[in-house]
Amino acid sequence: MIAHRIYGHYMVINLECQKCGILFDCDIGTVAFPENSDKPDFEKEIICPKCGSLSMDEVLLTEIGQSQLTEMTLGFDSDDIFDFEDDELNAFGFYEGECQGCDLFTMLNDFGLCEDCAVKLERDLIRQRDWDYSALAYGVPAEKHEVVRNEIFGRYGRKLELISAKEEPDRKRKKKRRVKRKKSRGKR
């Protein structure tokens, strides 16, 4: 006798009809997983709102349907795996820790910065014309970059707030070396 694993008593899952291509929710009743098959057996018939009754081979399980089926068969909600205190913040990479900019223990972004320091970093990137790294400059046409930069200067000043200034190469030192080399060549 082939053993079946049977789950649930009332289950609605999201499917896609391969005939007409629409997505729909379908009450499938209980779900059984026969040992000799890689496809589940549904208690109730699959009915597409447009095409009518369908076989298992005529539908695809959507991502939502896969999650629904997994939750039912494994006996847990997939959200329980990722049980965060504040899902909205965690969805954007925020977590608690010590800020790399101001050393406060608070919510941090994926760079390890608090909200205030992240804003300061954005302004500093624009001040230094690091357009490729600035989220504020993303999507701004190149000809408008200087307008954005001047706006930052007008509101917050020219001084960098978070990052240190880029080091300029010491050009005086190079000139001195050249002068010394020229003098030594003349003595030969």
Protein backbone atom coordinates (compact mmCIF):
# COMPACT_ATOMS: atom_id res chain seq x y z
CA MET A 1 0.00 0.00 0.00
CA ILE A 2 1.36 3.42 -0.97
CA ALA A 3 1.43 5.90 1.90
CA HIS A 4 0.04 9.38 1.42
CA ARG A 5 0.75 12.46 3.46
CA ILE A 6 -2.45 14.46 3.70
CA TYR A 7 -2.58 18.09 4.81
CA GLY A 8 -5.32 20.55 5.61
CA HIS A 9 -9.05 20.62 5.27
CA TYR A 10 -9.65 23.88 3.44
CA MET A 11 -6.96 25.42 1.34
CA VAL A 12 -6.89 28.15 -1.26
CA ILE A 13 -3.80 28.47 -3.43
CA ASN A 14 -2.79 30.78 -6.25
CA LEU A 15 -2.41 29.16 -9.69
CA GLU A 16 -1.75 30.24 -13.27
CA CYS A 17 -3.74 28.74 -16.14
CA GLN A 18 -1.44 27.60 -18.96
CA LYS A 19 -4.26 27.88 -21.48
CA CYS A 20 -5.34 31.50 -20.98
CA GLY A 21 -2.49 32.78 -18.77
CA ILE A 22 -4.59 34.31 -15.99
CA LEU A 23 -3.76 34.04 -12.30
CA PHE A 24 -6.51 32.85 -9.99
CA ASP A 25 -7.14 31.53 -6.49
CA CYS A 26 -8.61 28.06 -6.24
CA ASP A 27 -10.07 26.14 -3.28
CA ILE A 28 -8.32 22.78 -3.51
CA GLY A 29 -9.51 21.24 -0.23
CA THR A 30 -7.01 18.83 1.26
CA VAL A 31 -3.63 18.10 -0.29
CA ALA A 32 -2.04 14.67 -0.53
CA PHE A 33 1.51 13.88 -1.61
CA PRO A 34 1.73 10.35 -3.01
CA GLU A 35 5.14 8.68 -2.59
CA ASN A 36 5.31 7.66 -6.25
CA SER A 37 4.59 11.13 -7.71
CA ASP A 38 6.23 14.52 -7.62
CA LYS A 39 2.90 16.31 -7.99
CA PRO A 40 0.39 16.86 -5.20
CA ASP A 41 -3.15 15.49 -5.38
CA PHE A 42 -5.88 18.00 -4.61
CA GLU A 43 -9.17 16.90 -3.08
CA LYS A 44 -11.21 19.36 -5.13
CA GLU A 45 -11.19 20.05 -8.83
CA ILE A 46 -9.08 22.91 -10.24
CA ILE A 47 -11.38 25.39 -11.91
CA CYS A 48 -10.09 28.33 -13.97
CA PRO A 49 -12.60 31.23 -14.04
CA LYS A 50 -12.11 31.53 -17.81
CA CYS A 51 -11.38 27.98 -19.04
CA GLY A 52 -13.29 25.87 -16.51
CA SER A 53 -12.06 22.53 -15.16
CA LEU A 54 -8.30 21.88 -15.52
CA SER A 55 -5.89 19.06 -14.77
CA MET A 56 -2.76 19.50 -12.67
CA ASP A 57 -0.69 19.53 -15.89
CA GLU A 58 -2.64 22.53 -17.22
CA VAL A 59 -1.78 24.87 -14.35
CA LEU A 60 1.36 26.32 -12.83
CA LEU A 61 1.88 27.00 -9.16
CA THR A 62 2.71 30.70 -8.71
CA GLU A 63 5.22 31.99 -6.14
CA ILE A 64 2.31 32.92 -3.89
CA GLY A 65 0.82 29.47 -4.41
CA GLN A 66 4.16 27.85 -3.54
CA SER A 67 4.28 29.82 -0.29
CA GLN A 68 0.67 28.90 0.50
CA LEU A 69 1.32 25.22 -0.16
CA THR A 70 4.54 25.26 1.90
CA GLU A 71 2.85 26.94 4.85
CA MET A 72 0.09 24.37 4.82
CA THR A 73 2.25 21.28 4.35
CA LEU A 74 5.07 22.23 6.71
CA GLY A 75 2.67 23.50 9.36
CA PHE A 76 4.17 26.95 9.83
CA ASP A 77 3.88 30.43 8.45
CA SER A 78 6.99 31.42 6.46
CA ASP A 79 6.83 34.83 8.17
CA ASP A 80 7.60 33.06 11.46
CA ILE A 81 11.10 32.31 10.19
CA PHE A 82 11.79 36.00 9.73
CA ASP A 83 9.99 37.40 12.77
CA PHE A 84 11.36 40.93 13.01
CA GLU A 85 10.26 43.58 15.45
CA ASP A 86 9.72 46.12 12.70
CA ASP A 87 9.24 44.49 9.29
CA GLU A 88 9.04 47.83 7.48
CA LEU A 89 12.51 48.88 8.64
CA ASN A 90 14.04 45.44 8.14
CA ALA A 91 12.73 45.34 4.59
CA PHE A 92 15.09 48.24 3.84
CA GLY A 93 18.11 46.71 5.60
CA PHE A 94 17.74 48.44 8.97
CA TYR A 95 18.89 46.66 12.12
CA GLU A 96 19.99 47.65 15.63
CA GLY A 97 23.63 48.36 16.34
CA GLU A 98 26.29 51.00 16.90
CA CYS A 99 26.42 53.67 14.19
CA GLN A 100 29.76 53.86 12.38
CA GLY A 101 29.40 57.64 12.08
CA CYS A 102 28.28 58.84 15.51
CA ASP A 103 28.71 55.75 17.76
CA LEU A 104 25.08 55.85 18.94
CA PHE A 105 23.30 52.52 19.49
CA THR A 106 20.20 52.75 17.28
CA MET A 107 18.62 51.44 14.08
CA LEU A 108 21.19 51.22 11.26
CA ASN A 109 21.05 50.89 7.49
CA ASP A 110 23.07 48.40 5.45
CA PHE A 111 26.13 50.69 5.66
CA GLY A 112 26.04 50.62 9.46
CA LEU A 113 24.84 54.23 9.69
CA CYS A 114 21.94 55.74 11.60
CA GLU A 115 19.40 57.83 9.71
CA ASP A 116 21.13 61.16 10.50
CA CYS A 117 24.58 59.92 9.45
CA ALA A 118 23.18 58.34 6.27
CA VAL A 119 21.74 61.72 5.24
CA LYS A 120 25.07 63.41 6.03
CA LEU A 121 26.89 60.83 3.90
CA GLU A 122 24.55 61.53 0.97
CA ARG A 123 25.23 65.27 1.21
CA ASP A 124 28.99 64.64 1.44
CA LEU A 125 28.94 62.43 -1.64
CA ILE A 126 27.21 65.20 -3.56
CA ARG A 127 29.65 67.81 -2.22
CA GLN A 128 32.55 65.69 -3.51
CA ARG A 129 30.81 64.99 -6.82
CA ASP A 130 30.66 61.23 -6.22
CA TRP A 131 27.51 60.99 -8.33
CA ASP A 132 27.79 57.24 -8.91
CA TYR A 133 27.58 56.51 -5.18
CA SER A 134 24.81 58.92 -4.23
CA ALA A 135 21.23 57.71 -3.98
CA LEU A 136 20.01 61.33 -4.08
CA ALA A 137 21.73 61.88 -7.42
CA TYR A 138 20.37 58.66 -8.92
CA GLY A 139 18.17 59.43 -11.91
CA VAL A 140 19.20 63.09 -11.97
CA PRO A 141 20.47 64.05 -15.43
CA ALA A 142 24.20 64.83 -15.55
CA GLU A 143 23.57 68.43 -16.55
CA LYS A 144 21.57 68.96 -13.32
CA HIS A 145 24.19 67.51 -10.94
CA GLU A 146 25.77 70.90 -10.26
CA VAL A 147 22.33 72.38 -9.52
CA VAL A 148 21.80 69.69 -6.87
CA ARG A 149 25.29 70.30 -5.49
CA ASN A 150 24.70 74.08 -5.27
CA GLU A 151 21.40 73.43 -3.51
CA ILE A 152 23.22 71.32 -0.89
CA PHE A 153 25.78 74.13 -0.49
CA GLY A 154 22.99 76.68 -0.02
CA ARG A 155 21.12 74.67 2.61
CA TYR A 156 23.92 72.91 4.51
CA GLY A 157 27.18 74.67 3.61
CA ARG A 158 30.31 73.52 1.80
CA LYS A 159 32.02 71.77 4.72
CA LEU A 160 31.94 67.94 4.75
CA GLU A 161 29.84 66.57 7.62
CA LEU A 162 30.74 62.88 7.89
CA ILE A 163 33.56 61.79 5.63
CA SER A 164 37.04 63.25 5.42
CA ALA A 165 38.11 65.26 2.42
CA LYS A 166 39.91 63.53 -0.41
CA GLU A 167 43.63 64.03 -0.12
CA GLU A 168 45.13 66.12 -2.87
CA PRO A 169 48.48 64.88 -4.19
CA ASP A 170 51.41 66.92 -2.95
CA ARG A 171 52.48 68.64 -6.17
CA LYS A 172 55.15 70.83 -4.53
CA ARG A 173 57.14 67.78 -3.53
CA LYS A 174 57.21 66.46 -7.09
CA LYS A 175 58.50 69.80 -8.39
CA LYS A 176 61.33 69.83 -5.85
CA ARG A 177 62.41 66.37 -6.93
CA ARG A 178 62.49 67.42 -10.56
CA VAL A 179 64.55 70.48 -9.73
CA LYS A 180 67.05 68.37 -7.78
CA ARG A 181 67.32 65.89 -10.64
CA LYS A 182 67.99 68.67 -13.16
CA LYS A 183 70.72 70.14 -10.95
CA SER A 184 72.43 66.78 -10.53
CA ARG A 185 72.38 66.15 -14.28
CA GLY A 186 74.12 69.47 -14.93
CA LYS A 187 77.06 68.59 -12.66
CA ARG A 188 78.00 65.50 -14.61
